[in-house]
Amino acid sequence: FRELRGYPKLVDSSRQSHDREIQQRLWAVSEELTGVTFPV
């Protein structure tokens, strides 16, 4: 289940992890929730 069990192995990245819009939204929410800004 979601690579949470068993021995370590290499897996492919999800499509969402390569989506630039999702990356930017995640970064913005993370900055807002932590109160820490870091230019990327």
PDB file of N, CA and C in Angstrom:
ATOM      1  N   PHE A   1       0.844  -1.189   0.000  1.00  0.00           N
ATOM      2  CA  PHE A   1       0.000   0.000   0.000  1.00  0.00           C
ATOM      3  C   PHE A   1       0.874   1.232   0.000  1.00  0.00           C
ATOM      4  N   ARG A   2       0.916   1.954  -1.081  1.00  0.00           N
ATOM      5  CA  ARG A   2       1.657   3.218  -1.219  1.00  0.00           C
ATOM      6  C   ARG A   2       3.117   3.102  -0.796  1.00  0.00           C
ATOM      7  N   GLU A   3       3.713   1.966  -1.067  1.00  0.00           N
ATOM      8  CA  GLU A   3       5.132   1.721  -0.755  1.00  0.00           C
ATOM      9  C   GLU A   3       5.459   1.938   0.725  1.00  0.00           C
ATOM     10  N   LEU A   4       4.510   1.663   1.620  1.00  0.00           N
ATOM     11  CA  LEU A   4       4.748   1.832   3.052  1.00  0.00           C
ATOM     12  C   LEU A   4       5.243   0.555   3.715  1.00  0.00           C
ATOM     13  N   ARG A   5       5.214  -0.547   3.004  1.00  0.00           N
ATOM     14  CA  ARG A   5       5.652  -1.816   3.581  1.00  0.00           C
ATOM     15  C   ARG A   5       6.623  -2.506   2.643  1.00  0.00           C
ATOM     16  N   GLY A   6       7.383  -3.420   3.211  1.00  0.00           N
ATOM     17  CA  GLY A   6       8.304  -4.197   2.401  1.00  0.00           C
ATOM     18  C   GLY A   6       9.668  -3.546   2.301  1.00  0.00           C
ATOM     19  N   TYR A   7      10.484  -4.139   1.488  1.00  0.00           N
ATOM     20  CA  TYR A   7      11.854  -3.670   1.326  1.00  0.00           C
ATOM     21  C   TYR A   7      11.899  -2.414   0.459  1.00  0.00           C
ATOM     22  N   PRO A   8      12.908  -1.574   0.655  1.00  0.00           N
ATOM     23  CA  PRO A   8      13.045  -0.368  -0.166  1.00  0.00           C
ATOM     24  C   PRO A   8      13.222  -0.723  -1.642  1.00  0.00           C
ATOM     25  N   LYS A   9      12.658   0.094  -2.500  1.00  0.00           N
ATOM     26  CA  LYS A   9      12.837  -0.092  -3.940  1.00  0.00           C
ATOM     27  C   LYS A   9      12.622   1.240  -4.633  1.00  0.00           C
ATOM     28  N   LEU A  10      13.162   1.374  -5.816  1.00  0.00           N
ATOM     29  CA  LEU A  10      12.975   2.581  -6.612  1.00  0.00           C
ATOM     30  C   LEU A  10      11.581   2.573  -7.224  1.00  0.00           C
ATOM     31  N   VAL A  11      10.935   3.725  -7.189  1.00  0.00           N
ATOM     32  CA  VAL A  11       9.617   3.873  -7.805  1.00  0.00           C
ATOM     33  C   VAL A  11       9.627   5.135  -8.658  1.00  0.00           C
ATOM     34  N   ASP A  12       8.732   5.204  -9.615  1.00  0.00           N
ATOM     35  CA  ASP A  12       8.620   6.380 -10.474  1.00  0.00           C
ATOM     36  C   ASP A  12       7.871   7.490  -9.749  1.00  0.00           C
ATOM     37  N   SER A  13       8.156   8.720 -10.120  1.00  0.00           N
ATOM     38  CA  SER A  13       7.429   9.868  -9.590  1.00  0.00           C
ATOM     39  C   SER A  13       6.040   9.909 -10.204  1.00  0.00           C
ATOM     40  N   SER A  14       5.098  10.440  -9.441  1.00  0.00           N
ATOM     41  CA  SER A  14       3.745  10.590  -9.967  1.00  0.00           C
ATOM     42  C   SER A  14       3.702  11.755 -10.957  1.00  0.00           C
ATOM     43  N   ARG A  15       2.671  11.783 -11.782  1.00  0.00           N
ATOM     44  CA  ARG A  15       2.510  12.895 -12.723  1.00  0.00           C
ATOM     45  C   ARG A  15       2.336  14.209 -11.980  1.00  0.00           C
ATOM     46  N   GLN A  16       1.631  14.161 -10.848  1.00  0.00           N
ATOM     47  CA  GLN A  16       1.400  15.378 -10.075  1.00  0.00           C
ATOM     48  C   GLN A  16       2.705  15.992  -9.590  1.00  0.00           C
ATOM     49  N   SER A  17       3.706  15.173  -9.308  1.00  0.00           N
ATOM     50  CA  SER A  17       4.971  15.709  -8.795  1.00  0.00           C
ATOM     51  C   SER A  17       5.721  16.511  -9.853  1.00  0.00           C
ATOM     52  N   HIS A  18       5.341  16.370 -11.115  1.00  0.00           N
ATOM     53  CA  HIS A  18       5.983  17.104 -12.206  1.00  0.00           C
ATOM     54  C   HIS A  18       5.124  18.262 -12.713  1.00  0.00           C
ATOM     55  N   ASP A  19       3.950  18.441 -12.113  1.00  0.00           N
ATOM     56  CA  ASP A  19       3.019  19.493 -12.528  1.00  0.00           C
ATOM     57  C   ASP A  19       3.443  20.818 -11.893  1.00  0.00           C
ATOM     58  N   ARG A  20       3.874  21.766 -12.713  1.00  0.00           N
ATOM     59  CA  ARG A  20       4.419  23.040 -12.227  1.00  0.00           C
ATOM     60  C   ARG A  20       3.382  23.826 -11.412  1.00  0.00           C
ATOM     61  N   GLU A  21       2.136  23.820 -11.842  1.00  0.00           N
ATOM     62  CA  GLU A  21       1.091  24.553 -11.118  1.00  0.00           C
ATOM     63  C   GLU A  21       0.881  23.972  -9.717  1.00  0.00           C
ATOM     64  N   ILE A  22       0.836  22.660  -9.617  1.00  0.00           N
ATOM     65  CA  ILE A  22       0.679  22.011  -8.314  1.00  0.00           C
ATOM     66  C   ILE A  22       1.890  22.292  -7.433  1.00  0.00           C
ATOM     67  N   GLN A  23       3.076  22.280  -8.016  1.00  0.00           N
ATOM     68  CA  GLN A  23       4.292  22.586  -7.243  1.00  0.00           C
ATOM     69  C   GLN A  23       4.209  23.984  -6.650  1.00  0.00           C
ATOM     70  N   GLN A  24       3.780  24.950  -7.445  1.00  0.00           N
ATOM     71  CA  GLN A  24       3.691  26.334  -6.979  1.00  0.00           C
ATOM     72  C   GLN A  24       2.626  26.496  -5.903  1.00  0.00           C
ATOM     73  N   ARG A  25       1.493  25.825  -6.063  1.00  0.00           N
ATOM     74  CA  ARG A  25       0.437  25.897  -5.047  1.00  0.00           C
ATOM     75  C   ARG A  25       0.899  25.274  -3.740  1.00  0.00           C
ATOM     76  N   LEU A  26       1.568  24.135  -3.812  1.00  0.00           N
ATOM     77  CA  LEU A  26       2.076  23.471  -2.610  1.00  0.00           C
ATOM     78  C   LEU A  26       3.079  24.362  -1.895  1.00  0.00           C
ATOM     79  N   TRP A  27       3.966  24.995  -2.659  1.00  0.00           N
ATOM     80  CA  TRP A  27       4.973  25.881  -2.068  1.00  0.00           C
ATOM     81  C   TRP A  27       4.298  27.058  -1.369  1.00  0.00           C
ATOM     82  N   ALA A  28       3.306  27.662  -2.026  1.00  0.00           N
ATOM     83  CA  ALA A  28       2.606  28.814  -1.452  1.00  0.00           C
ATOM     84  C   ALA A  28       1.877  28.433  -0.165  1.00  0.00           C
ATOM     85  N   VAL A  29       1.198  27.309  -0.164  1.00  0.00           N
ATOM     86  CA  VAL A  29       0.487  26.855   1.034  1.00  0.00           C
ATOM     87  C   VAL A  29       1.479  26.545   2.152  1.00  0.00           C
ATOM     88  N   SER A  30       2.598  25.931   1.817  1.00  0.00           N
ATOM     89  CA  SER A  30       3.616  25.616   2.821  1.00  0.00           C
ATOM     90  C   SER A  30       4.163  26.884   3.459  1.00  0.00           C
ATOM     91  N   GLU A  31       4.420  27.899   2.638  1.00  0.00           N
ATOM     92  CA  GLU A  31       4.903  29.175   3.172  1.00  0.00           C
ATOM     93  C   GLU A  31       3.857  29.810   4.085  1.00  0.00           C
ATOM     94  N   GLU A  32       2.614  29.757   3.652  1.00  0.00           N
ATOM     95  CA  GLU A  32       1.542  30.358   4.444  1.00  0.00           C
ATOM     96  C   GLU A  32       1.387  29.653   5.793  1.00  0.00           C
ATOM     97  N   LEU A  33       1.414  28.339   5.788  1.00  0.00           N
ATOM     98  CA  LEU A  33       1.207  27.582   7.025  1.00  0.00           C
ATOM     99  C   LEU A  33       2.384  27.676   7.988  1.00  0.00           C
ATOM    100  N   THR A  34       3.596  27.777   7.462  1.00  0.00           N
ATOM    101  CA  THR A  34       4.773  27.824   8.333  1.00  0.00           C
ATOM    102  C   THR A  34       5.192  29.238   8.680  1.00  0.00           C
ATOM    103  N   GLY A  35       4.755  30.214   7.876  1.00  0.00           N
ATOM    104  CA  GLY A  35       5.173  31.587   8.100  1.00  0.00           C
ATOM    105  C   GLY A  35       6.601  31.847   7.654  1.00  0.00           C
ATOM    106  N   VAL A  36       7.155  30.934   6.876  1.00  0.00           N
ATOM    107  CA  VAL A  36       8.528  31.056   6.384  1.00  0.00           C
ATOM    108  C   VAL A  36       8.480  31.205   4.871  1.00  0.00           C
ATOM    109  N   THR A  37       9.147  32.228   4.352  1.00  0.00           N
ATOM    110  CA  THR A  37       9.208  32.396   2.902  1.00  0.00           C
ATOM    111  C   THR A  37      10.626  32.125   2.422  1.00  0.00           C
ATOM    112  N   PHE A  38      10.708  31.546   1.254  1.00  0.00           N
ATOM    113  CA  PHE A  38      11.994  31.224   0.659  1.00  0.00           C
ATOM    114  C   PHE A  38      11.827  31.327  -0.845  1.00  0.00           C
ATOM    115  N   PRO A  39      12.503  32.279  -1.486  1.00  0.00           N
ATOM    116  CA  PRO A  39      12.333  32.450  -2.930  1.00  0.00           C
ATOM    117  C   PRO A  39      12.894  31.263  -3.715  1.00  0.00           C
ATOM    118  N   VAL A  40      12.120  30.820  -4.676  1.00  0.00           N
ATOM    119  CA  VAL A  40      12.588  29.736  -5.558  1.00  0.00           C
ATOM    120  C   VAL A  40      12.502  30.170  -6.995  1.00  0.00           C
TER     121      VAL A  40
END
